[in-house]
Amino acid sequence: MTEEEAKDVLERIEYELGLHQPHSATRIVIHDLGLWARLETASGGATGLINGGTLFGWPVLLEPKCDASYTVLSI
């Protein structure tokens, strides 16, 4: 996954989180190993979104699958 593709996915995740009612999202599950690698190596500024197992303030987990880049799990 290129850096640009990862940024696009992060924008989609942030948008999807904005669609949920406050506090309804419980965690973000990353399925794409390339995206996970990009998140792990991101540092500082706008791209440093993963810190201590969180992304946009929500717990983030790795669960590889071939059919989706990510899932936002809700209550």
Protein backbone atom coordinates (compact mmCIF):
# COMPACT_ATOMS: atom_id res chain seq x y z
CA MET A 1 0.00 0.00 0.00
CA THR A 2 1.40 3.37 -0.99
CA GLU A 3 1.49 6.33 1.39
CA GLU A 4 -1.21 8.07 -0.68
CA GLU A 5 -3.48 5.00 -0.53
CA ALA A 6 -2.99 4.82 3.24
CA LYS A 7 -3.91 8.50 3.61
CA ASP A 8 -7.06 7.92 1.55
CA VAL A 9 -8.07 5.00 3.79
CA LEU A 10 -7.43 7.09 6.90
CA GLU A 11 -9.65 9.84 5.51
CA ARG A 12 -12.41 7.26 4.93
CA ILE A 13 -12.02 5.93 8.49
CA GLU A 14 -12.19 9.44 9.92
CA TYR A 15 -15.29 10.19 7.81
CA GLU A 16 -16.97 6.95 8.89
CA LEU A 17 -16.25 7.72 12.54
CA GLY A 18 -17.94 11.10 12.01
CA LEU A 19 -21.10 9.33 10.81
CA HIS A 20 -21.47 7.38 14.07
CA GLN A 21 -23.16 8.81 17.15
CA PRO A 22 -20.64 9.97 19.74
CA HIS A 23 -19.33 7.01 21.74
CA SER A 24 -21.02 4.40 19.51
CA ALA A 25 -17.78 3.29 17.85
CA THR A 26 -15.94 0.81 20.05
CA ARG A 27 -12.82 0.05 18.02
CA ILE A 28 -11.23 0.05 14.60
CA VAL A 29 -10.04 -3.22 13.11
CA ILE A 30 -7.39 -2.98 10.39
CA HIS A 31 -7.50 -5.85 7.88
CA ASP A 32 -4.91 -4.71 5.33
CA LEU A 33 -1.34 -5.58 6.33
CA GLY A 34 0.03 -2.82 4.10
CA LEU A 35 -2.11 -0.23 5.87
CA TRP A 36 -1.04 -1.62 9.26
CA ALA A 37 2.63 -1.32 8.23
CA ARG A 38 2.06 2.30 7.15
CA LEU A 39 0.36 3.09 10.46
CA GLU A 40 3.15 1.48 12.45
CA THR A 41 5.82 3.52 10.69
CA ALA A 42 3.91 6.82 10.69
CA SER A 43 5.44 9.47 12.92
CA GLY A 44 4.37 12.93 14.11
CA GLY A 45 2.10 15.51 12.50
CA ALA A 46 -0.99 14.63 10.46
CA THR A 47 0.27 11.16 9.57
CA GLY A 48 1.18 10.16 13.16
CA LEU A 49 -2.31 8.91 13.93
CA ILE A 50 -1.48 5.67 15.68
CA ASN A 51 -0.09 5.96 19.21
CA GLY A 52 -0.24 3.32 21.90
CA GLY A 53 -2.77 1.19 20.07
CA THR A 54 -5.23 3.96 19.18
CA LEU A 55 -6.33 5.59 15.95
CA PHE A 56 -8.38 8.80 16.13
CA GLY A 57 -8.73 8.05 19.85
CA TRP A 58 -10.24 4.57 19.37
CA PRO A 59 -8.53 1.24 20.09
CA VAL A 60 -7.12 -0.27 16.92
CA LEU A 61 -6.52 -3.97 16.29
CA LEU A 62 -4.98 -6.02 13.49
CA GLU A 63 -7.17 -8.79 12.04
CA PRO A 64 -5.97 -9.69 8.54
CA LYS A 65 -8.65 -10.34 5.90
CA CYS A 66 -8.58 -10.12 2.13
CA ASP A 67 -12.02 -8.56 1.61
CA ALA A 68 -11.72 -5.18 3.36
CA SER A 69 -9.13 -2.62 4.48
CA TYR A 70 -10.76 -1.89 7.81
CA THR A 71 -13.93 -2.16 9.90
CA VAL A 72 -15.29 0.34 12.42
CA LEU A 73 -17.06 -1.68 15.07
CA SER A 74 -19.97 -0.07 16.90
CA ILE A 75 -22.14 -0.87 19.87
